[in-house]
Amino acid sequence: MDINFEDMLRVVPRLVVHNDDLQMYERLNIKNHEAIIAGGCALSWYTRQPVGKKDIDIWFPNQKRLEAMSQELLSNSKFRKVYDTKDAETYKYQKPDSEYYRIQLIKNRFFAYPKDVIDAFDITVCQIATDGETWWIGDQFSQDLKNRRLRLIKTHPGSVKRLLKYWTYGFQPEDTELQAIIDDPEVTWDYESNTDEEYANAI
């Protein structure tokens, strides 16, 4: 898809949440919990796309805010808790069709400010967050999004899975990214597709 970035920067801030996802977003009460949505879901909205099958990753400033949203979702029949690990609580929310939204309340780390969240991500095009009204982006986000560049800021055990995930989204790594993964002895090439490792390692 060709994107006119000058037009996008003028239009998108008025259209933060894609209309297809608006009902789900409103039920989350993101701003009331001082939370933000960061990573792949925010990237989709920024490029005027619905969430689709991407996870909705929600980050909090502290444990109290996380627990408040958790209790609210548990008391709402629209949401169903399906997993609870040391890294995230996972909920499903039924879409109008047979698909589900997969919502992750991230609990392995807390950040006082949205910029702290995006600055901690491992891939530049993941360095985007929103509360539904405001955007926060990393220093290299816009340029790498425009160029479809897959730039690793750091490597970790889950880097292969992360790189392949964003490669399939159409972002292209350069030889330096691939070599960094090859050279890192901590990177694993054998992983379970349904593990939570990227929430532990992506930031």
C-alpha atoms as a PDB file:
ATOM      1  CA  MET A   1       0.000   0.000   0.000  1.00  0.00           C
ATOM      2  CA  ASP A   2       1.356   3.426  -0.958  1.00  0.00           C
ATOM      3  CA  ILE A   3       1.118   5.911   1.876  1.00  0.00           C
ATOM      4  CA  ASN A   4       1.316   9.668   1.558  1.00  0.00           C
ATOM      5  CA  PHE A   5       3.021  10.391   4.867  1.00  0.00           C
ATOM      6  CA  GLU A   6       2.445  14.134   4.829  1.00  0.00           C
ATOM      7  CA  ASP A   7      -1.297  13.554   4.452  1.00  0.00           C
ATOM      8  CA  MET A   8      -1.219  10.769   7.036  1.00  0.00           C
ATOM      9  CA  LEU A   9       0.362  12.961   9.675  1.00  0.00           C
ATOM     10  CA  ARG A  10      -2.382  15.527   9.165  1.00  0.00           C
ATOM     11  CA  VAL A  11      -5.280  13.059   9.103  1.00  0.00           C
ATOM     12  CA  VAL A  12      -4.415  10.189  11.438  1.00  0.00           C
ATOM     13  CA  PRO A  13      -4.360  12.120  14.756  1.00  0.00           C
ATOM     14  CA  ARG A  14      -8.096  12.786  14.246  1.00  0.00           C
ATOM     15  CA  LEU A  15      -8.715   9.122  13.415  1.00  0.00           C
ATOM     16  CA  VAL A  16      -6.643   7.292  15.990  1.00  0.00           C
ATOM     17  CA  VAL A  17      -8.723   4.130  16.475  1.00  0.00           C
ATOM     18  CA  HIS A  18      -9.904   2.392  13.323  1.00  0.00           C
ATOM     19  CA  ASN A  19     -13.669   2.468  13.045  1.00  0.00           C
ATOM     20  CA  ASP A  20     -13.841  -1.357  12.880  1.00  0.00           C
ATOM     21  CA  ASP A  21     -12.211  -1.565  16.321  1.00  0.00           C
ATOM     22  CA  LEU A  22     -13.925   1.379  17.991  1.00  0.00           C
ATOM     23  CA  GLN A  23     -16.554  -0.547  19.968  1.00  0.00           C
ATOM     24  CA  MET A  24     -13.933  -2.841  21.482  1.00  0.00           C
ATOM     25  CA  TYR A  25     -11.622   0.091  22.258  1.00  0.00           C
ATOM     26  CA  GLU A  26     -14.392   2.009  24.042  1.00  0.00           C
ATOM     27  CA  ARG A  27     -15.149  -0.979  26.286  1.00  0.00           C
ATOM     28  CA  LEU A  28     -11.500  -1.086  27.420  1.00  0.00           C
ATOM     29  CA  ASN A  29     -11.660   2.403  29.020  1.00  0.00           C
ATOM     30  CA  ILE A  30      -7.980   2.897  28.238  1.00  0.00           C
ATOM     31  CA  LYS A  31      -7.766   6.536  29.310  1.00  0.00           C
ATOM     32  CA  ASN A  32      -9.638   5.925  32.564  1.00  0.00           C
ATOM     33  CA  HIS A  33      -6.930   3.427  33.536  1.00  0.00           C
ATOM     34  CA  GLU A  34      -4.076   5.716  32.408  1.00  0.00           C
ATOM     35  CA  ALA A  35      -3.024   2.881  30.099  1.00  0.00           C
ATOM     36  CA  ILE A  36      -1.667   2.913  26.554  1.00  0.00           C
ATOM     37  CA  ILE A  37      -1.787   0.531  23.608  1.00  0.00           C
ATOM     38  CA  ALA A  38       1.659   0.040  22.084  1.00  0.00           C
ATOM     39  CA  GLY A  39       3.288  -2.039  19.362  1.00  0.00           C
ATOM     40  CA  GLY A  40       1.543  -3.837  16.501  1.00  0.00           C
ATOM     41  CA  CYS A  41      -2.031  -2.720  17.201  1.00  0.00           C
ATOM     42  CA  ALA A  42      -1.003   0.934  17.446  1.00  0.00           C
ATOM     43  CA  LEU A  43       1.013   0.515  14.239  1.00  0.00           C
ATOM     44  CA  SER A  44      -2.079  -0.784  12.444  1.00  0.00           C
ATOM     45  CA  TRP A  45      -4.182   2.170  13.552  1.00  0.00           C
ATOM     46  CA  TYR A  46      -1.443   4.631  12.630  1.00  0.00           C
ATOM     47  CA  THR A  47      -1.449   3.260   9.078  1.00  0.00           C
ATOM     48  CA  ARG A  48      -5.266   3.367   8.998  1.00  0.00           C
ATOM     49  CA  GLN A  49      -5.721  -0.382   9.234  1.00  0.00           C
ATOM     50  CA  PRO A  50      -7.964  -2.396  11.598  1.00  0.00           C
ATOM     51  CA  VAL A  51      -6.271  -4.566  14.197  1.00  0.00           C
ATOM     52  CA  GLY A  52      -7.029  -7.773  12.332  1.00  0.00           C
ATOM     53  CA  LYS A  53      -5.312 -10.713  14.058  1.00  0.00           C
ATOM     54  CA  LYS A  54      -2.671  -8.639  15.849  1.00  0.00           C
ATOM     55  CA  ASP A  55      -2.592  -8.705  19.644  1.00  0.00           C
ATOM     56  CA  ILE A  56      -3.744  -5.620  21.499  1.00  0.00           C
ATOM     57  CA  ASP A  57      -0.942  -5.010  24.001  1.00  0.00           C
ATOM     58  CA  ILE A  58      -1.844  -2.707  26.887  1.00  0.00           C
ATOM     59  CA  TRP A  59       0.787  -1.160  29.159  1.00  0.00           C
ATOM     60  CA  PHE A  60       0.285   0.445  32.562  1.00  0.00           C
ATOM     61  CA  PRO A  61       2.052   2.982  34.768  1.00  0.00           C
ATOM     62  CA  ASN A  62       1.751   0.761  37.859  1.00  0.00           C
ATOM     63  CA  GLN A  63       0.320  -2.423  39.368  1.00  0.00           C
ATOM     64  CA  LYS A  64      -2.741  -0.644  40.733  1.00  0.00           C
ATOM     65  CA  ARG A  65      -3.883   0.463  37.275  1.00  0.00           C
ATOM     66  CA  LEU A  66      -3.320  -3.022  35.866  1.00  0.00           C
ATOM     67  CA  GLU A  67      -5.377  -4.624  38.632  1.00  0.00           C
ATOM     68  CA  ALA A  68      -8.194  -2.103  38.136  1.00  0.00           C
ATOM     69  CA  MET A  69      -8.504  -2.909  34.436  1.00  0.00           C
ATOM     70  CA  SER A  70      -8.202  -6.633  35.130  1.00  0.00           C
ATOM     71  CA  GLN A  71     -11.113  -6.492  37.561  1.00  0.00           C
ATOM     72  CA  GLU A  72     -13.175  -4.445  35.127  1.00  0.00           C
ATOM     73  CA  LEU A  73     -12.637  -6.919  32.298  1.00  0.00           C
ATOM     74  CA  LEU A  74     -13.386  -9.894  34.554  1.00  0.00           C
ATOM     75  CA  SER A  75     -16.728  -8.342  35.480  1.00  0.00           C
ATOM     76  CA  ASN A  76     -17.647  -7.660  31.843  1.00  0.00           C
ATOM     77  CA  SER A  77     -19.223 -10.607  30.031  1.00  0.00           C
ATOM     78  CA  LYS A  78     -17.851  -9.335  26.713  1.00  0.00           C
ATOM     79  CA  PHE A  79     -14.337 -10.295  27.820  1.00  0.00           C
ATOM     80  CA  ARG A  80     -13.117 -13.805  28.621  1.00  0.00           C
ATOM     81  CA  LYS A  81      -9.827 -14.432  30.404  1.00  0.00           C
ATOM     82  CA  VAL A  82      -7.948 -17.251  28.689  1.00  0.00           C
ATOM     83  CA  TYR A  83      -4.356 -17.083  30.007  1.00  0.00           C
ATOM     84  CA  ASP A  84      -2.488 -15.644  32.956  1.00  0.00           C
ATOM     85  CA  THR A  85       1.308 -15.815  32.994  1.00  0.00           C
ATOM     86  CA  LYS A  86       4.086 -13.886  34.685  1.00  0.00           C
ATOM     87  CA  ASP A  87       4.267 -11.597  31.641  1.00  0.00           C
ATOM     88  CA  ALA A  88       0.650 -10.934  30.659  1.00  0.00           C
ATOM     89  CA  GLU A  89      -3.031 -11.544  31.300  1.00  0.00           C
ATOM     90  CA  THR A  90      -4.760 -12.520  28.061  1.00  0.00           C
ATOM     91  CA  TYR A  91      -8.425 -11.885  27.290  1.00  0.00           C
ATOM     92  CA  LYS A  92     -10.595 -12.588  24.273  1.00  0.00           C
ATOM     93  CA  TYR A  93     -13.324 -10.307  23.014  1.00  0.00           C
ATOM     94  CA  GLN A  94     -15.776 -11.591  20.399  1.00  0.00           C
ATOM     95  CA  LYS A  95     -15.753  -9.721  17.103  1.00  0.00           C
ATOM     96  CA  PRO A  96     -18.968  -9.366  15.049  1.00  0.00           C
ATOM     97  CA  ASP A  97     -17.825 -12.371  12.993  1.00  0.00           C
ATOM     98  CA  SER A  98     -16.403 -15.658  14.349  1.00  0.00           C
ATOM     99  CA  GLU A  99     -13.010 -14.120  15.165  1.00  0.00           C
ATOM    100  CA  TYR A 100     -11.753 -12.739  18.484  1.00  0.00           C
ATOM    101  CA  TYR A 101      -9.670  -9.800  19.584  1.00  0.00           C
ATOM    102  CA  ARG A 102      -6.767 -11.017  21.706  1.00  0.00           C
ATOM    103  CA  ILE A 103      -6.059  -8.474  24.437  1.00  0.00           C
ATOM    104  CA  GLN A 104      -2.875  -8.618  26.520  1.00  0.00           C
ATOM    105  CA  LEU A 105      -2.525  -6.753  29.808  1.00  0.00           C
ATOM    106  CA  ILE A 106       1.252  -6.557  30.113  1.00  0.00           C
ATOM    107  CA  LYS A 107       2.415  -7.036  33.682  1.00  0.00           C
ATOM    108  CA  ASN A 108       6.125  -7.849  33.526  1.00  0.00           C
ATOM    109  CA  ARG A 109       7.108  -4.162  33.601  1.00  0.00           C
ATOM    110  CA  PHE A 110       5.453  -0.837  34.304  1.00  0.00           C
ATOM    111  CA  PHE A 111       6.299   2.577  32.861  1.00  0.00           C
ATOM    112  CA  ALA A 112       5.412   5.973  34.252  1.00  0.00           C
ATOM    113  CA  TYR A 113       5.407   7.657  30.836  1.00  0.00           C
ATOM    114  CA  PRO A 114       4.391   6.480  27.343  1.00  0.00           C
ATOM    115  CA  LYS A 115       7.756   7.541  25.934  1.00  0.00           C
ATOM    116  CA  ASP A 116       9.462   5.129  28.330  1.00  0.00           C
ATOM    117  CA  VAL A 117       7.446   2.265  26.819  1.00  0.00           C
ATOM    118  CA  ILE A 118       8.249   3.051  23.192  1.00  0.00           C
ATOM    119  CA  ASP A 119      11.907   3.788  23.928  1.00  0.00           C
ATOM    120  CA  ALA A 120      12.238   0.309  25.440  1.00  0.00           C
ATOM    121  CA  PHE A 121      10.964  -1.652  22.403  1.00  0.00           C
ATOM    122  CA  ASP A 122      13.347  -3.818  20.386  1.00  0.00           C
ATOM    123  CA  ILE A 123      12.209  -2.822  16.856  1.00  0.00           C
ATOM    124  CA  THR A 124      11.831   0.756  15.639  1.00  0.00           C
ATOM    125  CA  VAL A 125       8.495   0.249  13.862  1.00  0.00           C
ATOM    126  CA  CYS A 126       7.095  -1.097  17.147  1.00  0.00           C
ATOM    127  CA  GLN A 127       7.968   2.194  18.851  1.00  0.00           C
ATOM    128  CA  ILE A 128       4.478   3.619  18.716  1.00  0.00           C
ATOM    129  CA  ALA A 129       1.798   4.007  21.370  1.00  0.00           C
ATOM    130  CA  THR A 130      -1.585   5.647  21.801  1.00  0.00           C
ATOM    131  CA  ASP A 131      -4.276   6.118  24.421  1.00  0.00           C
ATOM    132  CA  GLY A 132      -6.842   6.541  21.660  1.00  0.00           C
ATOM    133  CA  GLU A 133      -6.370  10.287  21.412  1.00  0.00           C
ATOM    134  CA  THR A 134      -2.627  10.958  21.407  1.00  0.00           C
ATOM    135  CA  TRP A 135       0.291   9.383  19.520  1.00  0.00           C
ATOM    136  CA  TRP A 136       3.786   8.767  20.870  1.00  0.00           C
ATOM    137  CA  ILE A 137       6.456   7.555  18.442  1.00  0.00           C
ATOM    138  CA  GLY A 138      10.169   6.733  18.602  1.00  0.00           C
ATOM    139  CA  ASP A 139      12.884   8.830  16.990  1.00  0.00           C
ATOM    140  CA  GLN A 140      13.368   6.497  14.010  1.00  0.00           C
ATOM    141  CA  PHE A 141       9.787   5.262  13.716  1.00  0.00           C
ATOM    142  CA  SER A 142       8.538   7.517  10.906  1.00  0.00           C
ATOM    143  CA  GLN A 143      11.573   7.072   8.688  1.00  0.00           C
ATOM    144  CA  ASP A 144      11.672   3.295   9.101  1.00  0.00           C
ATOM    145  CA  LEU A 145       7.922   3.005   8.534  1.00  0.00           C
ATOM    146  CA  LYS A 146       8.220   5.050   5.342  1.00  0.00           C
ATOM    147  CA  ASN A 147      11.111   2.906   4.093  1.00  0.00           C
ATOM    148  CA  ARG A 148       9.589  -0.380   5.357  1.00  0.00           C
ATOM    149  CA  ARG A 149      12.850  -0.897   7.245  1.00  0.00           C
ATOM    150  CA  LEU A 150      13.024  -3.587   9.910  1.00  0.00           C
ATOM    151  CA  ARG A 151      15.599  -2.162  12.297  1.00  0.00           C
ATOM    152  CA  LEU A 152      16.536  -4.037  15.468  1.00  0.00           C
ATOM    153  CA  ILE A 153      17.506  -1.833  18.392  1.00  0.00           C
ATOM    154  CA  LYS A 154      18.626  -4.800  20.467  1.00  0.00           C
ATOM    155  CA  THR A 155      18.705  -8.579  20.248  1.00  0.00           C
ATOM    156  CA  HIS A 156      17.377 -11.062  22.819  1.00  0.00           C
ATOM    157  CA  PRO A 157      16.411 -14.762  22.959  1.00  0.00           C
ATOM    158  CA  GLY A 158      13.139 -14.127  21.089  1.00  0.00           C
ATOM    159  CA  SER A 159      14.616 -11.988  18.291  1.00  0.00           C
ATOM    160  CA  VAL A 160      14.127 -14.619  15.578  1.00  0.00           C
ATOM    161  CA  LYS A 161      10.403 -14.832  16.266  1.00  0.00           C
ATOM    162  CA  ARG A 162      10.116 -11.059  16.415  1.00  0.00           C
ATOM    163  CA  LEU A 163      12.056 -10.509  13.202  1.00  0.00           C
ATOM    164  CA  LEU A 164      10.029 -13.110  11.292  1.00  0.00           C
ATOM    165  CA  LYS A 165       6.784 -11.625  12.601  1.00  0.00           C
ATOM    166  CA  TYR A 166       7.518  -8.142  11.275  1.00  0.00           C
ATOM    167  CA  TRP A 167       9.154  -9.481   8.119  1.00  0.00           C
ATOM    168  CA  THR A 168       5.800 -11.084   7.236  1.00  0.00           C
ATOM    169  CA  TYR A 169       4.199  -7.648   7.753  1.00  0.00           C
ATOM    170  CA  GLY A 170       6.320  -6.369   4.867  1.00  0.00           C
ATOM    171  CA  PHE A 171       9.267  -4.808   6.721  1.00  0.00           C
ATOM    172  CA  GLN A 172      12.692  -5.656   5.333  1.00  0.00           C
ATOM    173  CA  PRO A 173      15.738  -6.246   7.549  1.00  0.00           C
ATOM    174  CA  GLU A 174      19.173  -5.252   6.353  1.00  0.00           C
ATOM    175  CA  ASP A 175      22.213  -7.497   6.529  1.00  0.00           C
ATOM    176  CA  THR A 176      23.265  -5.844   9.799  1.00  0.00           C
ATOM    177  CA  GLU A 177      20.067  -6.993  11.534  1.00  0.00           C
ATOM    178  CA  LEU A 178      20.418 -10.536  10.264  1.00  0.00           C
ATOM    179  CA  GLN A 179      24.086 -10.698  11.215  1.00  0.00           C
ATOM    180  CA  ALA A 180      23.384  -9.360  14.710  1.00  0.00           C
ATOM    181  CA  ILE A 181      20.939 -12.214  15.305  1.00  0.00           C
ATOM    182  CA  ILE A 182      23.325 -14.801  13.872  1.00  0.00           C
ATOM    183  CA  ASP A 183      26.182 -13.530  16.044  1.00  0.00           C
ATOM    184  CA  ASP A 184      24.219 -13.370  19.309  1.00  0.00           C
ATOM    185  CA  PRO A 185      24.703 -16.652  21.239  1.00  0.00           C
ATOM    186  CA  GLU A 186      21.631 -15.940  23.385  1.00  0.00           C
ATOM    187  CA  VAL A 187      19.233 -15.874  20.437  1.00  0.00           C
ATOM    188  CA  THR A 188      17.216 -19.080  20.198  1.00  0.00           C
ATOM    189  CA  TRP A 189      16.229 -20.668  16.896  1.00  0.00           C
ATOM    190  CA  ASP A 190      13.865 -23.106  18.564  1.00  0.00           C
ATOM    191  CA  TYR A 191      10.778 -21.631  20.168  1.00  0.00           C
ATOM    192  CA  GLU A 192       7.159 -22.446  20.915  1.00  0.00           C
ATOM    193  CA  SER A 193       4.747 -20.368  18.843  1.00  0.00           C
ATOM    194  CA  ASN A 194       2.338 -19.885  21.766  1.00  0.00           C
ATOM    195  CA  THR A 195       4.746 -18.700  24.410  1.00  0.00           C
ATOM    196  CA  ASP A 196       4.833 -15.271  26.058  1.00  0.00           C
ATOM    197  CA  GLU A 197       8.555 -14.743  25.476  1.00  0.00           C
ATOM    198  CA  GLU A 198       8.194 -11.663  23.336  1.00  0.00           C
ATOM    199  CA  TYR A 199       6.523  -9.748  26.150  1.00  0.00           C
ATOM    200  CA  ALA A 200       9.450 -10.593  28.395  1.00  0.00           C
ATOM    201  CA  ASN A 201      12.092  -9.749  25.804  1.00  0.00           C
ATOM    202  CA  ALA A 202      10.695  -7.202  23.381  1.00  0.00           C
ATOM    203  CA  ILE A 203      11.444  -4.368  25.772  1.00  0.00           C
END
